[in-house]
């Protein structure tokens, strides 16, 4: 279960990075 939690954390961080870059490229249109 610890490995699963680690993968979830990595996936969450990856999602935040994608969202951050999406906002930078699209401006404030994407909330």
PDB file of N, CA and C in Angstrom:
ATOM      1  N   UNK A   1       0.828  -1.210   0.000  1.00  0.00           N
ATOM      2  CA  UNK A   1       0.000   0.000   0.000  1.00  0.00           C
ATOM      3  C   UNK A   1       0.865   1.263   0.000  1.00  0.00           C
ATOM      4  N   UNK A   2       2.065   1.153   0.571  1.00  0.00           N
ATOM      5  CA  UNK A   2       2.943   2.336   0.578  1.00  0.00           C
ATOM      6  C   UNK A   2       3.345   2.708  -0.849  1.00  0.00           C
ATOM      7  N   UNK A   3       3.612   1.708  -1.687  1.00  0.00           N
ATOM      8  CA  UNK A   3       4.002   1.993  -3.073  1.00  0.00           C
ATOM      9  C   UNK A   3       2.844   2.680  -3.805  1.00  0.00           C
ATOM     10  N   UNK A   4       1.626   2.226  -3.538  1.00  0.00           N
ATOM     11  CA  UNK A   4       0.452   2.826  -4.191  1.00  0.00           C
ATOM     12  C   UNK A   4       0.331   4.291  -3.787  1.00  0.00           C
ATOM     13  N   UNK A   5       0.522   4.578  -2.511  1.00  0.00           N
ATOM     14  CA  UNK A   5       0.442   5.959  -2.028  1.00  0.00           C
ATOM     15  C   UNK A   5       1.500   6.827  -2.691  1.00  0.00           C
ATOM     16  N   UNK A   6       2.689   6.260  -2.892  1.00  0.00           N
ATOM     17  CA  UNK A   6       3.771   7.011  -3.539  1.00  0.00           C
ATOM     18  C   UNK A   6       3.393   7.346  -4.972  1.00  0.00           C
ATOM     19  N   UNK A   7       2.797   6.385  -5.680  1.00  0.00           N
ATOM     20  CA  UNK A   7       2.395   6.639  -7.073  1.00  0.00           C
ATOM     21  C   UNK A   7       1.299   7.702  -7.132  1.00  0.00           C
ATOM     22  N   UNK A   8       0.386   7.678  -6.177  1.00  0.00           N
ATOM     23  CA  UNK A   8      -0.692   8.678  -6.136  1.00  0.00           C
ATOM     24  C   UNK A   8      -0.096  10.061  -5.923  1.00  0.00           C
ATOM     25  N   UNK A   9       0.902  10.161  -5.046  1.00  0.00           N
ATOM     26  CA  UNK A   9       1.541  11.454  -4.786  1.00  0.00           C
ATOM     27  C   UNK A   9       2.238  11.972  -6.036  1.00  0.00           C
ATOM     28  N   UNK A  10       2.962  11.103  -6.727  1.00  0.00           N
ATOM     29  CA  UNK A  10       3.665  11.495  -7.952  1.00  0.00           C
ATOM     30  C   UNK A  10       2.667  11.940  -9.015  1.00  0.00           C
ATOM     31  N   UNK A  11       1.554  11.202  -9.152  1.00  0.00           N
ATOM     32  CA  UNK A  11       0.536  11.542 -10.140  1.00  0.00           C
ATOM     33  C   UNK A  11      -0.079  12.895  -9.813  1.00  0.00           C
ATOM     34  N   UNK A  12      -0.329  13.160  -8.520  1.00  0.00           N
ATOM     35  CA  UNK A  12      -0.924  14.428  -8.097  1.00  0.00           C
ATOM     36  C   UNK A  12       0.008  15.589  -8.416  1.00  0.00           C
ATOM     37  N   UNK A  13       1.294  15.439  -8.137  1.00  0.00           N
ATOM     38  CA  UNK A  13       2.269  16.491  -8.432  1.00  0.00           C
ATOM     39  C   UNK A  13       2.348  16.729  -9.942  1.00  0.00           C
ATOM     40  N   UNK A  14       2.322  15.658 -10.718  1.00  0.00           N
ATOM     41  CA  UNK A  14       2.367  15.757 -12.183  1.00  0.00           C
ATOM     42  C   UNK A  14       1.146  16.515 -12.701  1.00  0.00           C
ATOM     43  N   UNK A  15      -0.021  16.233 -12.105  1.00  0.00           N
ATOM     44  CA  UNK A  15      -1.252  16.908 -12.502  1.00  0.00           C
ATOM     45  C   UNK A  15      -1.165  18.402 -12.191  1.00  0.00           C
ATOM     46  N   UNK A  16      -0.625  18.762 -11.033  1.00  0.00           N
ATOM     47  CA  UNK A  16      -0.492  20.173 -10.663  1.00  0.00           C
ATOM     48  C   UNK A  16       0.441  20.895 -11.626  1.00  0.00           C
ATOM     49  N   UNK A  17       1.530  20.238 -12.034  1.00  0.00           N
ATOM     50  CA  UNK A  17       2.476  20.849 -12.974  1.00  0.00           C
ATOM     51  C   UNK A  17       1.801  21.073 -14.319  1.00  0.00           C
ATOM     52  N   UNK A  18       1.034  20.092 -14.795  1.00  0.00           N
ATOM     53  CA  UNK A  18       0.324  20.239 -16.072  1.00  0.00           C
ATOM     54  C   UNK A  18      -0.669  21.393 -15.987  1.00  0.00           C
ATOM     55  N   UNK A  19      -1.383  21.486 -14.871  1.00  0.00           N
ATOM     56  CA  UNK A  19      -2.362  22.556 -14.699  1.00  0.00           C
ATOM     57  C   UNK A  19      -1.665  23.911 -14.675  1.00  0.00           C
ATOM     58  N   UNK A  20      -0.504  23.977 -14.020  1.00  0.00           N
ATOM     59  CA  UNK A  20       0.257  25.220 -13.932  1.00  0.00           C
ATOM     60  C   UNK A  20       0.699  25.693 -15.311  1.00  0.00           C
ATOM     61  N   UNK A  21       1.231  24.772 -16.113  1.00  0.00           N
ATOM     62  CA  UNK A  21       1.680  25.145 -17.454  1.00  0.00           C
ATOM     63  C   UNK A  21       0.496  25.501 -18.358  1.00  0.00           C
ATOM     64  N   UNK A  22      -0.634  24.827 -18.163  1.00  0.00           N
ATOM     65  CA  UNK A  22      -1.828  25.125 -18.960  1.00  0.00           C
ATOM     66  C   UNK A  22      -2.280  26.559 -18.677  1.00  0.00           C
ATOM     67  N   UNK A  23      -2.245  26.968 -17.403  1.00  0.00           N
ATOM     68  CA  UNK A  23      -2.643  28.327 -17.040  1.00  0.00           C
ATOM     69  C   UNK A  23      -1.655  29.340 -17.609  1.00  0.00           C
ATOM     70  N   UNK A  24      -0.377  29.017 -17.597  1.00  0.00           N
ATOM     71  CA  UNK A  24       0.634  29.954 -18.121  1.00  0.00           C
ATOM     72  C   UNK A  24       0.478  30.137 -19.621  1.00  0.00           C
ATOM     73  N   UNK A  25       0.182  29.068 -20.344  1.00  0.00           N
ATOM     74  CA  UNK A  25       0.092  29.151 -21.797  1.00  0.00           C
ATOM     75  C   UNK A  25      -1.232  29.773 -22.244  1.00  0.00           C
ATOM     76  N   UNK A  26      -2.301  29.501 -21.495  1.00  0.00           N
ATOM     77  CA  UNK A  26      -3.623  30.001 -21.886  1.00  0.00           C
ATOM     78  C   UNK A  26      -3.969  31.311 -21.187  1.00  0.00           C
ATOM     79  N   UNK A  27      -3.140  31.721 -20.233  1.00  0.00           N
ATOM     80  CA  UNK A  27      -3.439  32.943 -19.493  1.00  0.00           C
ATOM     81  C   UNK A  27      -4.429  32.661 -18.379  1.00  0.00           C
ATOM     82  N   UNK A  28      -5.232  33.667 -18.013  1.00  0.00           N
ATOM     83  CA  UNK A  28      -6.179  33.493 -16.915  1.00  0.00           C
ATOM     84  C   UNK A  28      -7.513  32.924 -17.394  1.00  0.00           C
ATOM     85  N   UNK A  29      -7.587  32.562 -18.681  1.00  0.00           N
ATOM     86  CA  UNK A  29      -8.835  32.015 -19.217  1.00  0.00           C
ATOM     87  C   UNK A  29      -9.118  30.651 -18.580  1.00  0.00           C
ATOM     88  N   UNK A  30      -8.056  29.893 -18.301  1.00  0.00           N
ATOM     89  CA  UNK A  30      -8.221  28.577 -17.678  1.00  0.00           C
ATOM     90  C   UNK A  30      -8.076  28.722 -16.174  1.00  0.00           C
ATOM     91  N   UNK A  31      -9.133  28.399 -15.458  1.00  0.00           N
ATOM     92  CA  UNK A  31      -9.104  28.543 -13.989  1.00  0.00           C
ATOM     93  C   UNK A  31      -8.918  27.176 -13.350  1.00  0.00           C
TER      94      UNK A  31
END
